Amino acid sequence: MKSKLLEEKKRLTEELSGLYAHTELGDGQDENAEEIAVDEVSKNMIFRIKTDLGKIDKALAKIENGSYGVDDEGASIDEKRLRALPWADKAI
Protein backbone atom coordinates (compact mmCIF):
# COMPACT_ATOMS: atom_id res chain seq x y z
CA MET A 1 0.00 0.00 0.00
CA LYS A 2 2.84 2.37 0.81
CA SER A 3 4.19 2.23 -2.74
CA LYS A 4 0.72 2.97 -4.17
CA LEU A 5 0.39 5.94 -1.83
CA LEU A 6 3.82 7.27 -2.77
CA GLU A 7 3.08 6.86 -6.50
CA GLU A 8 -0.22 8.72 -6.15
CA LYS A 9 1.44 11.44 -4.08
CA LYS A 10 4.02 11.95 -6.82
CA ARG A 11 1.34 12.03 -9.53
CA LEU A 12 -0.83 14.52 -7.66
CA THR A 13 2.14 16.73 -6.81
CA GLU A 14 3.07 16.86 -10.49
CA GLU A 15 -0.54 17.59 -11.44
CA LEU A 16 -0.70 20.35 -8.84
CA SER A 17 2.46 21.98 -10.12
CA GLY A 18 0.86 22.22 -13.57
CA LEU A 19 -2.18 24.10 -12.32
CA TYR A 20 -2.45 27.77 -11.69
CA ALA A 21 -4.69 29.55 -9.22
CA HIS A 22 -5.38 32.73 -11.14
CA THR A 23 -5.71 33.81 -14.74
CA GLU A 24 -5.29 37.26 -16.17
CA LEU A 25 -8.51 38.92 -17.22
CA GLY A 26 -8.79 39.81 -20.88
CA ASP A 27 -10.18 42.81 -22.66
CA GLY A 28 -13.63 41.55 -23.59
CA GLN A 29 -16.53 40.57 -21.36
CA ASP A 30 -16.88 37.16 -23.06
CA GLU A 31 -13.16 36.56 -22.65
CA ASN A 32 -13.33 37.50 -18.97
CA ALA A 33 -16.26 35.15 -18.32
CA GLU A 34 -14.38 32.25 -19.87
CA GLU A 35 -11.21 33.01 -17.92
CA ILE A 36 -13.16 33.30 -14.66
CA ALA A 37 -14.78 29.90 -15.35
CA VAL A 38 -11.37 28.33 -16.03
CA ASP A 39 -10.02 29.98 -12.89
CA GLU A 40 -12.86 28.50 -10.81
CA VAL A 41 -12.24 25.00 -12.20
CA SER A 42 -8.52 25.35 -11.43
CA LYS A 43 -9.24 26.46 -7.86
CA ASN A 44 -11.57 23.49 -7.34
CA MET A 45 -8.98 21.06 -8.72
CA ILE A 46 -6.24 22.60 -6.55
CA PHE A 47 -8.45 22.23 -3.47
CA ARG A 48 -9.27 18.58 -4.32
CA ILE A 49 -5.63 17.70 -4.98
CA LYS A 50 -4.44 19.37 -1.76
CA THR A 51 -7.15 17.53 0.18
CA ASP A 52 -6.11 14.19 -1.32
CA LEU A 53 -2.42 14.94 -0.66
CA GLY A 54 -3.26 15.61 2.99
CA LYS A 55 -5.10 12.29 3.22
CA ILE A 56 -2.19 10.49 1.57
CA ASP A 57 0.26 12.03 4.05
CA LYS A 58 -2.01 10.97 6.91
CA ALA A 59 -2.23 7.41 5.51
CA LEU A 60 1.57 7.25 5.18
CA ALA A 61 1.95 8.41 8.79
CA LYS A 62 -0.53 5.72 9.88
CA ILE A 63 1.52 3.09 8.06
CA GLU A 64 4.58 4.25 9.98
CA ASN A 65 2.82 4.20 13.37
CA GLY A 66 0.95 0.94 12.74
CA SER A 67 -2.58 2.33 12.68
CA TYR A 68 -3.20 2.16 8.91
CA GLY A 69 -6.62 0.76 8.04
CA VAL A 70 -8.32 2.17 11.13
CA ASP A 71 -10.37 5.37 10.95
CA ASP A 72 -10.49 8.16 13.53
CA GLU A 73 -13.43 6.46 15.28
CA GLY A 74 -11.44 3.23 15.71
CA ALA A 75 -13.38 1.30 13.06
CA SER A 76 -11.53 -0.93 10.61
CA ILE A 77 -11.55 0.22 6.99
CA ASP A 78 -12.37 -2.67 4.66
CA GLU A 79 -9.36 -4.00 2.75
CA LYS A 80 -11.23 -3.79 -0.58
CA ARG A 81 -11.87 -0.11 0.08
CA LEU A 82 -8.20 0.47 0.89
CA ARG A 83 -7.11 -1.31 -2.30
CA ALA A 84 -9.44 0.92 -4.32
CA LEU A 85 -8.61 4.11 -2.40
CA PRO A 86 -5.45 3.61 -0.31
CA TRP A 87 -5.90 6.97 1.46
CA ALA A 88 -9.48 6.22 2.53
CA ASP A 89 -9.93 7.67 6.00
CA LYS A 90 -13.43 6.47 6.85
CA ALA A 91 -14.91 3.02 7.30
CA ILE A 92 -18.24 2.68 5.52
PDB file of N, CA and C in Angstrom:
ATOM      1  N   MET A   1       0.820  -1.187   0.000  1.00  0.00           N
ATOM      2  CA  MET A   1       0.000   0.000   0.000  1.00  0.00           C
ATOM      3  C   MET A   1       0.870   1.260   0.000  1.00  0.00           C
ATOM      4  N   LYS A   2       1.972   1.196   0.711  1.00  0.00           N
ATOM      5  CA  LYS A   2       2.837   2.369   0.811  1.00  0.00           C
ATOM      6  C   LYS A   2       3.319   2.815  -0.566  1.00  0.00           C
ATOM      7  N   SER A   3       3.691   1.858  -1.411  1.00  0.00           N
ATOM      8  CA  SER A   3       4.186   2.229  -2.744  1.00  0.00           C
ATOM      9  C   SER A   3       3.081   2.864  -3.582  1.00  0.00           C
ATOM     10  N   LYS A   4       1.842   2.361  -3.452  1.00  0.00           N
ATOM     11  CA  LYS A   4       0.720   2.969  -4.174  1.00  0.00           C
ATOM     12  C   LYS A   4       0.486   4.394  -3.696  1.00  0.00           C
ATOM     13  N   LEU A   5       0.572   4.593  -2.388  1.00  0.00           N
ATOM     14  CA  LEU A   5       0.387   5.936  -1.831  1.00  0.00           C
ATOM     15  C   LEU A   5       1.478   6.889  -2.317  1.00  0.00           C
ATOM     16  N   LEU A   6       2.707   6.421  -2.323  1.00  0.00           N
ATOM     17  CA  LEU A   6       3.817   7.267  -2.775  1.00  0.00           C
ATOM     18  C   LEU A   6       3.708   7.591  -4.263  1.00  0.00           C
ATOM     19  N   GLU A   7       3.280   6.621  -5.067  1.00  0.00           N
ATOM     20  CA  GLU A   7       3.078   6.864  -6.498  1.00  0.00           C
ATOM     21  C   GLU A   7       1.991   7.911  -6.719  1.00  0.00           C
ATOM     22  N   GLU A   8       0.891   7.772  -6.000  1.00  0.00           N
ATOM     23  CA  GLU A   8      -0.217   8.724  -6.147  1.00  0.00           C
ATOM     24  C   GLU A   8       0.187  10.107  -5.655  1.00  0.00           C
ATOM     25  N   LYS A   9       0.961  10.154  -4.586  1.00  0.00           N
ATOM     26  CA  LYS A   9       1.439  11.442  -4.077  1.00  0.00           C
ATOM     27  C   LYS A   9       2.297  12.136  -5.135  1.00  0.00           C
ATOM     28  N   LYS A  10       3.162  11.384  -5.772  1.00  0.00           N
ATOM     29  CA  LYS A  10       4.015  11.952  -6.821  1.00  0.00           C
ATOM     30  C   LYS A  10       3.174  12.456  -7.983  1.00  0.00           C
ATOM     31  N   ARG A  11       2.200  11.651  -8.409  1.00  0.00           N
ATOM     32  CA  ARG A  11       1.344  12.030  -9.531  1.00  0.00           C
ATOM     33  C   ARG A  11       0.555  13.302  -9.226  1.00  0.00           C
ATOM     34  N   LEU A  12      -0.041  13.356  -8.038  1.00  0.00           N
ATOM     35  CA  LEU A  12      -0.834  14.524  -7.657  1.00  0.00           C
ATOM     36  C   LEU A  12       0.034  15.766  -7.497  1.00  0.00           C
ATOM     37  N   THR A  13       1.231  15.595  -6.963  1.00  0.00           N
ATOM     38  CA  THR A  13       2.145  16.729  -6.807  1.00  0.00           C
ATOM     39  C   THR A  13       2.516  17.295  -8.173  1.00  0.00           C
ATOM     40  N   GLU A  14       2.764  16.410  -9.133  1.00  0.00           N
ATOM     41  CA  GLU A  14       3.072  16.859 -10.491  1.00  0.00           C
ATOM     42  C   GLU A  14       1.870  17.551 -11.119  1.00  0.00           C
ATOM     43  N   GLU A  15       0.685  16.986 -10.909  1.00  0.00           N
ATOM     44  CA  GLU A  15      -0.537  17.595 -11.440  1.00  0.00           C
ATOM     45  C   GLU A  15      -0.754  18.977 -10.827  1.00  0.00           C
ATOM     46  N   LEU A  16      -0.525  19.077  -9.534  1.00  0.00           N
ATOM     47  CA  LEU A  16      -0.702  20.349  -8.838  1.00  0.00           C
ATOM     48  C   LEU A  16       0.262  21.408  -9.362  1.00  0.00           C
ATOM     49  N   SER A  17       1.478  21.011  -9.639  1.00  0.00           N
ATOM     50  CA  SER A  17       2.464  21.983 -10.118  1.00  0.00           C
ATOM     51  C   SER A  17       2.104  22.513 -11.505  1.00  0.00           C
ATOM     52  N   GLY A  18       1.283  21.775 -12.245  1.00  0.00           N
ATOM     53  CA  GLY A  18       0.862  22.216 -13.568  1.00  0.00           C
ATOM     54  C   GLY A  18      -0.362  23.106 -13.564  1.00  0.00           C
ATOM     55  N   LEU A  19      -0.986  23.255 -12.416  1.00  0.00           N
ATOM     56  CA  LEU A  19      -2.184  24.095 -12.322  1.00  0.00           C
ATOM     57  C   LEU A  19      -1.815  25.487 -11.857  1.00  0.00           C
ATOM     58  N   TYR A  20      -2.661  26.399 -12.142  1.00  0.00           N
ATOM     59  CA  TYR A  20      -2.452  27.771 -11.692  1.00  0.00           C
ATOM     60  C   TYR A  20      -3.713  28.230 -10.984  1.00  0.00           C
ATOM     61  N   ALA A  21      -3.566  29.119 -10.052  1.00  0.00           N
ATOM     62  CA  ALA A  21      -4.694  29.547  -9.224  1.00  0.00           C
ATOM     63  C   ALA A  21      -5.375  30.804  -9.742  1.00  0.00           C
ATOM     64  N   HIS A  22      -4.766  31.498 -10.676  1.00  0.00           N
ATOM     65  CA  HIS A  22      -5.376  32.732 -11.144  1.00  0.00           C
ATOM     66  C   HIS A  22      -4.990  32.994 -12.591  1.00  0.00           C
ATOM     67  N   THR A  23      -5.967  33.439 -13.352  1.00  0.00           N
ATOM     68  CA  THR A  23      -5.710  33.814 -14.738  1.00  0.00           C
ATOM     69  C   THR A  23      -5.847  35.321 -14.879  1.00  0.00           C
ATOM     70  N   GLU A  24      -5.173  35.836 -15.864  1.00  0.00           N
ATOM     71  CA  GLU A  24      -5.286  37.263 -16.171  1.00  0.00           C
ATOM     72  C   GLU A  24      -6.610  37.498 -16.883  1.00  0.00           C
ATOM     73  N   LEU A  25      -7.280  38.572 -16.531  1.00  0.00           N
ATOM     74  CA  LEU A  25      -8.514  38.921 -17.216  1.00  0.00           C
ATOM     75  C   LEU A  25      -8.183  39.574 -18.543  1.00  0.00           C
ATOM     76  N   GLY A  26      -9.005  39.265 -19.544  1.00  0.00           N
ATOM     77  CA  GLY A  26      -8.786  39.812 -20.877  1.00  0.00           C
ATOM     78  C   GLY A  26      -9.492  41.137 -21.067  1.00  0.00           C
ATOM     79  N   ASP A  27      -9.580  41.526 -22.324  1.00  0.00           N
ATOM     80  CA  ASP A  27     -10.183  42.810 -22.656  1.00  0.00           C
ATOM     81  C   ASP A  27     -11.699  42.728 -22.778  1.00  0.00           C
ATOM     82  N   GLY A  28     -12.198  41.649 -23.341  1.00  0.00           N
ATOM     83  CA  GLY A  28     -13.630  41.554 -23.592  1.00  0.00           C
ATOM     84  C   GLY A  28     -14.377  40.853 -22.478  1.00  0.00           C
ATOM     85  N   GLN A  29     -15.687  41.166 -22.397  1.00  0.00           N
ATOM     86  CA  GLN A  29     -16.527  40.569 -21.360  1.00  0.00           C
ATOM     87  C   GLN A  29     -16.630  39.055 -21.544  1.00  0.00           C
ATOM     88  N   ASP A  30     -16.797  38.604 -22.793  1.00  0.00           N
ATOM     89  CA  ASP A  30     -16.877  37.163 -23.055  1.00  0.00           C
ATOM     90  C   ASP A  30     -15.579  36.471 -22.655  1.00  0.00           C
ATOM     91  N   GLU A  31     -14.483  37.104 -22.984  1.00  0.00           N
ATOM     92  CA  GLU A  31     -13.165  36.557 -22.647  1.00  0.00           C
ATOM     93  C   GLU A  31     -12.997  36.464 -21.133  1.00  0.00           C
ATOM     94  N   ASN A  32     -13.430  37.490 -20.430  1.00  0.00           N
ATOM     95  CA  ASN A  32     -13.335  37.497 -18.967  1.00  0.00           C
ATOM     96  C   ASN A  32     -14.171  36.388 -18.352  1.00  0.00           C
ATOM     97  N   ALA A  33     -15.382  36.184 -18.860  1.00  0.00           N
ATOM     98  CA  ALA A  33     -16.265  35.147 -18.318  1.00  0.00           C
ATOM     99  C   ALA A  33     -15.628  33.771 -18.475  1.00  0.00           C
ATOM    100  N   GLU A  34     -15.036  33.534 -19.631  1.00  0.00           N
ATOM    101  CA  GLU A  34     -14.382  32.248 -19.872  1.00  0.00           C
ATOM    102  C   GLU A  34     -13.183  32.064 -18.948  1.00  0.00           C
ATOM    103  N   GLU A  35     -12.388  33.101 -18.780  1.00  0.00           N
ATOM    104  CA  GLU A  35     -11.210  33.011 -17.916  1.00  0.00           C
ATOM    105  C   GLU A  35     -11.600  32.824 -16.455  1.00  0.00           C
ATOM    106  N   ILE A  36     -12.675  33.466 -16.042  1.00  0.00           N
ATOM    107  CA  ILE A  36     -13.158  33.303 -14.665  1.00  0.00           C
ATOM    108  C   ILE A  36     -13.634  31.865 -14.455  1.00  0.00           C
ATOM    109  N   ALA A  37     -14.317  31.292 -15.451  1.00  0.00           N
ATOM    110  CA  ALA A  37     -14.781  29.904 -15.345  1.00  0.00           C
ATOM    111  C   ALA A  37     -13.595  28.947 -15.251  1.00  0.00           C
ATOM    112  N   VAL A  38     -12.579  29.166 -16.077  1.00  0.00           N
ATOM    113  CA  VAL A  38     -11.374  28.327 -16.032  1.00  0.00           C
ATOM    114  C   VAL A  38     -10.691  28.475 -14.681  1.00  0.00           C
ATOM    115  N   ASP A  39     -10.633  29.703 -14.186  1.00  0.00           N
ATOM    116  CA  ASP A  39     -10.022  29.980 -12.888  1.00  0.00           C
ATOM    117  C   ASP A  39     -10.742  29.221 -11.777  1.00  0.00           C
ATOM    118  N   GLU A  40     -12.066  29.196 -11.830  1.00  0.00           N
ATOM    119  CA  GLU A  40     -12.857  28.504 -10.807  1.00  0.00           C
ATOM    120  C   GLU A  40     -12.602  26.999 -10.851  1.00  0.00           C
ATOM    121  N   VAL A  41     -12.534  26.433 -12.050  1.00  0.00           N
ATOM    122  CA  VAL A  41     -12.243  25.001 -12.196  1.00  0.00           C
ATOM    123  C   VAL A  41     -10.859  24.697 -11.630  1.00  0.00           C
ATOM    124  N   SER A  42      -9.885  25.547 -11.951  1.00  0.00           N
ATOM    125  CA  SER A  42      -8.524  25.347 -11.434  1.00  0.00           C
ATOM    126  C   SER A  42      -8.503  25.394  -9.915  1.00  0.00           C
ATOM    127  N   LYS A  43      -9.199  26.358  -9.330  1.00  0.00           N
ATOM    128  CA  LYS A  43      -9.239  26.465  -7.864  1.00  0.00           C
ATOM    129  C   LYS A  43      -9.852  25.218  -7.247  1.00  0.00           C
ATOM    130  N   ASN A  44     -10.928  24.702  -7.855  1.00  0.00           N
ATOM    131  CA  ASN A  44     -11.566  23.490  -7.337  1.00  0.00           C
ATOM    132  C   ASN A  44     -10.634  22.287  -7.439  1.00  0.00           C
ATOM    133  N   MET A  45      -9.924  22.174  -8.554  1.00  0.00           N
ATOM    134  CA  MET A  45      -8.977  21.065  -8.719  1.00  0.00           C
ATOM    135  C   MET A  45      -7.830  21.179  -7.723  1.00  0.00           C
ATOM    136  N   ILE A  46      -7.317  22.378  -7.522  1.00  0.00           N
ATOM    137  CA  ILE A  46      -6.235  22.597  -6.554  1.00  0.00           C
ATOM    138  C   ILE A  46      -6.693  22.186  -5.160  1.00  0.00           C
ATOM    139  N   PHE A  47      -7.909  22.587  -4.789  1.00  0.00           N
ATOM    140  CA  PHE A  47      -8.448  22.227  -3.474  1.00  0.00           C
ATOM    141  C   PHE A  47      -8.556  20.711  -3.333  1.00  0.00           C
ATOM    142  N   ARG A  48      -9.108  20.039  -4.374  1.00  0.00           N
ATOM    143  CA  ARG A  48      -9.272  18.581  -4.320  1.00  0.00           C
ATOM    144  C   ARG A  48      -7.921  17.883  -4.208  1.00  0.00           C
ATOM    145  N   ILE A  49      -6.959  18.327  -4.995  1.00  0.00           N
ATOM    146  CA  ILE A  49      -5.635  17.701  -4.978  1.00  0.00           C
ATOM    147  C   ILE A  49      -4.967  17.901  -3.623  1.00  0.00           C
ATOM    148  N   LYS A  50      -5.044  19.110  -3.077  1.00  0.00           N
ATOM    149  CA  LYS A  50      -4.437  19.366  -1.764  1.00  0.00           C
ATOM    150  C   LYS A  50      -5.107  18.535  -0.678  1.00  0.00           C
ATOM    151  N   THR A  51      -6.426  18.369  -0.779  1.00  0.00           N
ATOM    152  CA  THR A  51      -7.153  17.533   0.184  1.00  0.00           C
ATOM    153  C   THR A  51      -6.674  16.087   0.093  1.00  0.00           C
ATOM    154  N   ASP A  52      -6.580  15.570  -1.130  1.00  0.00           N
ATOM    155  CA  ASP A  52      -6.105  14.194  -1.317  1.00  0.00           C
ATOM    156  C   ASP A  52      -4.662  14.034  -0.844  1.00  0.00           C
ATOM    157  N   LEU A  53      -3.814  15.019  -1.120  1.00  0.00           N
ATOM    158  CA  LEU A  53      -2.420  14.941  -0.655  1.00  0.00           C
ATOM    159  C   LEU A  53      -2.356  14.897   0.871  1.00  0.00           C
ATOM    160  N   GLY A  54      -3.210  15.646   1.534  1.00  0.00           N
ATOM    161  CA  GLY A  54      -3.264  15.606   2.993  1.00  0.00           C
ATOM    162  C   GLY A  54      -3.679  14.235   3.502  1.00  0.00           C
ATOM    163  N   LYS A  55      -4.657  13.631   2.830  1.00  0.00           N
ATOM    164  CA  LYS A  55      -5.104  12.290   3.223  1.00  0.00           C
ATOM    165  C   LYS A  55      -4.014  11.252   2.969  1.00  0.00           C
ATOM    166  N   ILE A  56      -3.289  11.416   1.873  1.00  0.00           N
ATOM    167  CA  ILE A  56      -2.187  10.494   1.571  1.00  0.00           C
ATOM    168  C   ILE A  56      -1.098  10.613   2.632  1.00  0.00           C
ATOM    169  N   ASP A  57      -0.746  11.835   3.000  1.00  0.00           N
ATOM    170  CA  ASP A  57       0.262  12.026   4.054  1.00  0.00           C
ATOM    171  C   ASP A  57      -0.192  11.402   5.368  1.00  0.00           C
ATOM    172  N   LYS A  58      -1.471  11.551   5.675  1.00  0.00           N
ATOM    173  CA  LYS A  58      -2.010  10.966   6.909  1.00  0.00           C
ATOM    174  C   LYS A  58      -1.952   9.433   6.841  1.00  0.00           C
ATOM    175  N   ALA A  59      -2.285   8.869   5.676  1.00  0.00           N
ATOM    176  CA  ALA A  59      -2.226   7.411   5.514  1.00  0.00           C
ATOM    177  C   ALA A  59      -0.789   6.911   5.642  1.00  0.00           C
ATOM    178  N   LEU A  60       0.160   7.640   5.057  1.00  0.00           N
ATOM    179  CA  LEU A  60       1.572   7.249   5.176  1.00  0.00           C
ATOM    180  C   LEU A  60       2.035   7.302   6.634  1.00  0.00           C
ATOM    181  N   ALA A  61       1.596   8.312   7.363  1.00  0.00           N
ATOM    182  CA  ALA A  61       1.945   8.409   8.787  1.00  0.00           C
ATOM    183  C   ALA A  61       1.346   7.240   9.562  1.00  0.00           C
ATOM    184  N   LYS A  62       0.110   6.846   9.204  1.00  0.00           N
ATOM    185  CA  LYS A  62      -0.532   5.721   9.880  1.00  0.00           C
ATOM    186  C   LYS A  62       0.195   4.411   9.583  1.00  0.00           C
ATOM    187  N   ILE A  63       0.720   4.279   8.379  1.00  0.00           N
ATOM    188  CA  ILE A  63       1.516   3.087   8.063  1.00  0.00           C
ATOM    189  C   ILE A  63       2.729   3.047   8.984  1.00  0.00           C
ATOM    190  N   GLU A  64       3.378   4.175   9.141  1.00  0.00           N
ATOM    191  CA  GLU A  64       4.578   4.255   9.984  1.00  0.00           C
ATOM    192  C   GLU A  64       4.278   3.955  11.450  1.00  0.00           C
ATOM    193  N   ASN A  65       3.108   4.418  11.947  1.00  0.00           N
ATOM    194  CA  ASN A  65       2.824   4.199  13.371  1.00  0.00           C
ATOM    195  C   ASN A  65       1.967   2.962  13.631  1.00  0.00           C
ATOM    196  N   GLY A  66       1.666   2.199  12.567  1.00  0.00           N
ATOM    197  CA  GLY A  66       0.950   0.937  12.739  1.00  0.00           C
ATOM    198  C   GLY A  66      -0.554   1.038  12.852  1.00  0.00           C
ATOM    199  N   SER A  67      -1.131   2.191  12.552  1.00  0.00           N
ATOM    200  CA  SER A  67      -2.581   2.334  12.677  1.00  0.00           C
ATOM    201  C   SER A  67      -3.285   2.440  11.323  1.00  0.00           C
ATOM    202  N   TYR A  68      -2.595   2.098  10.239  1.00  0.00           N
ATOM    203  CA  TYR A  68      -3.195   2.159   8.909  1.00  0.00           C
ATOM    204  C   TYR A  68      -4.350   1.176   8.825  1.00  0.00           C
ATOM    205  N   GLY A  69      -5.447   1.615   8.199  1.00  0.00           N
ATOM    206  CA  GLY A  69      -6.615   0.758   8.043  1.00  0.00           C
ATOM    207  C   GLY A  69      -7.638   0.932   9.140  1.00  0.00           C
ATOM    208  N   VAL A  70      -7.388   1.875  10.038  1.00  0.00           N
ATOM    209  CA  VAL A  70      -8.317   2.173  11.131  1.00  0.00           C
ATOM    210  C   VAL A  70      -8.673   3.650  11.032  1.00  0.00           C
ATOM    211  N   ASP A  71      -9.987   3.961  11.058  1.00  0.00           N
ATOM    212  CA  ASP A  71     -10.374   5.368  10.949  1.00  0.00           C
ATOM    213  C   ASP A  71     -10.285   6.077  12.297  1.00  0.00           C
ATOM    214  N   ASP A  72     -10.618   7.357  12.313  1.00  0.00           N
ATOM    215  CA  ASP A  72     -10.494   8.161  13.530  1.00  0.00           C
ATOM    216  C   ASP A  72     -11.437   7.714  14.645  1.00  0.00           C
ATOM    217  N   GLU A  73     -12.480   6.969  14.283  1.00  0.00           N
ATOM    218  CA  GLU A  73     -13.428   6.456  15.277  1.00  0.00           C
ATOM    219  C   GLU A  73     -12.999   5.095  15.823  1.00  0.00           C
ATOM    220  N   GLY A  74     -11.924   4.538  15.265  1.00  0.00           N
ATOM    221  CA  GLY A  74     -11.440   3.233  15.709  1.00  0.00           C
ATOM    222  C   GLY A  74     -11.997   2.065  14.920  1.00  0.00           C
ATOM    223  N   ALA A  75     -12.799   2.363  13.882  1.00  0.00           N
ATOM    224  CA  ALA A  75     -13.382   1.298  13.060  1.00  0.00           C
ATOM    225  C   ALA A  75     -12.399   0.878  11.974  1.00  0.00           C
ATOM    226  N   SER A  76     -12.403  -0.410  11.674  1.00  0.00           N
ATOM    227  CA  SER A  76     -11.532  -0.928  10.613  1.00  0.00           C
ATOM    228  C   SER A  76     -12.084  -0.548   9.242  1.00  0.00           C
ATOM    229  N   ILE A  77     -11.187  -0.097   8.372  1.00  0.00           N
ATOM    230  CA  ILE A  77     -11.553   0.223   6.995  1.00  0.00           C
ATOM    231  C   ILE A  77     -11.361  -1.048   6.179  1.00  0.00           C
ATOM    232  N   ASP A  78     -12.396  -1.441   5.440  1.00  0.00           N
ATOM    233  CA  ASP A  78     -12.370  -2.671   4.660  1.00  0.00           C
ATOM    234  C   ASP A  78     -11.179  -2.693   3.699  1.00  0.00           C
ATOM    235  N   GLU A  79     -10.545  -3.859   3.599  1.00  0.00           N
ATOM    236  CA  GLU A  79      -9.357  -4.004   2.752  1.00  0.00           C
ATOM    237  C   GLU A  79      -9.661  -3.705   1.283  1.00  0.00           C
ATOM    238  N   LYS A  80     -10.854  -4.093   0.809  1.00  0.00           N
ATOM    239  CA  LYS A  80     -11.234  -3.794  -0.576  1.00  0.00           C
ATOM    240  C   LYS A  80     -11.290  -2.285  -0.802  1.00  0.00           C
ATOM    241  N   ARG A  81     -11.798  -1.575   0.176  1.00  0.00           N
ATOM    242  CA  ARG A  81     -11.868  -0.111   0.081  1.00  0.00           C
ATOM    243  C   ARG A  81     -10.460   0.479   0.034  1.00  0.00           C
ATOM    244  N   LEU A  82      -9.574  -0.036   0.864  1.00  0.00           N
ATOM    245  CA  LEU A  82      -8.200   0.471   0.890  1.00  0.00           C
ATOM    246  C   LEU A  82      -7.453   0.150  -0.406  1.00  0.00           C
ATOM    247  N   ARG A  83      -7.752  -0.995  -1.010  1.00  0.00           N
ATOM    248  CA  ARG A  83      -7.115  -1.311  -2.297  1.00  0.00           C
ATOM    249  C   ARG A  83      -7.594  -0.345  -3.374  1.00  0.00           C
ATOM    250  N   ALA A  84      -8.881   0.008  -3.326  1.00  0.00           N
ATOM    251  CA  ALA A  84      -9.444   0.923  -4.320  1.00  0.00           C
ATOM    252  C   ALA A  84      -9.018   2.361  -4.064  1.00  0.00           C
ATOM    253  N   LEU A  85      -8.943   2.739  -2.792  1.00  0.00           N
ATOM    254  CA  LEU A  85      -8.610   4.110  -2.402  1.00  0.00           C
ATOM    255  C   LEU A  85      -7.691   4.038  -1.183  1.00  0.00           C
ATOM    256  N   PRO A  86      -6.387   3.860  -1.411  1.00  0.00           N
ATOM    257  CA  PRO A  86      -5.454   3.614  -0.307  1.00  0.00           C
ATOM    258  C   PRO A  86      -5.431   4.699   0.773  1.00  0.00           C
ATOM    259  N   TRP A  87      -5.894   5.894   0.466  1.00  0.00           N
ATOM    260  CA  TRP A  87      -5.903   6.965   1.464  1.00  0.00           C
ATOM    261  C   TRP A  87      -7.290   7.154   2.080  1.00  0.00           C
ATOM    262  N   ALA A  88      -8.160   6.146   1.906  1.00  0.00           N
ATOM    263  CA  ALA A  88      -9.484   6.222   2.526  1.00  0.00           C
ATOM    264  C   ALA A  88      -9.317   6.419   4.028  1.00  0.00           C
ATOM    265  N   ASP A  89     -10.087   7.358   4.574  1.00  0.00           N
ATOM    266  CA  ASP A  89      -9.931   7.665   5.999  1.00  0.00           C
ATOM    267  C   ASP A  89     -11.191   7.395   6.811  1.00  0.00           C
ATOM    268  N   LYS A  90     -12.190   6.790   6.160  1.00  0.00           N
ATOM    269  CA  LYS A  90     -13.434   6.472   6.854  1.00  0.00           C
ATOM    270  C   LYS A  90     -13.863   5.051   6.514  1.00  0.00           C
ATOM    271  N   ALA A  91     -14.299   4.324   7.519  1.00  0.00           N
ATOM    272  CA  ALA A  91     -14.910   3.018   7.297  1.00  0.00           C
ATOM    273  C   ALA A  91     -16.354   3.278   6.889  1.00  0.00           C
ATOM    274  N   ILE A  92     -16.835   2.495   5.934  1.00  0.00           N
ATOM    275  CA  ILE A  92     -18.241   2.678   5.525  1.00  0.00           C
ATOM    276  C   ILE A  92     -19.010   1.396   5.675  1.00  0.00           C
TER     277      ILE A  92
END
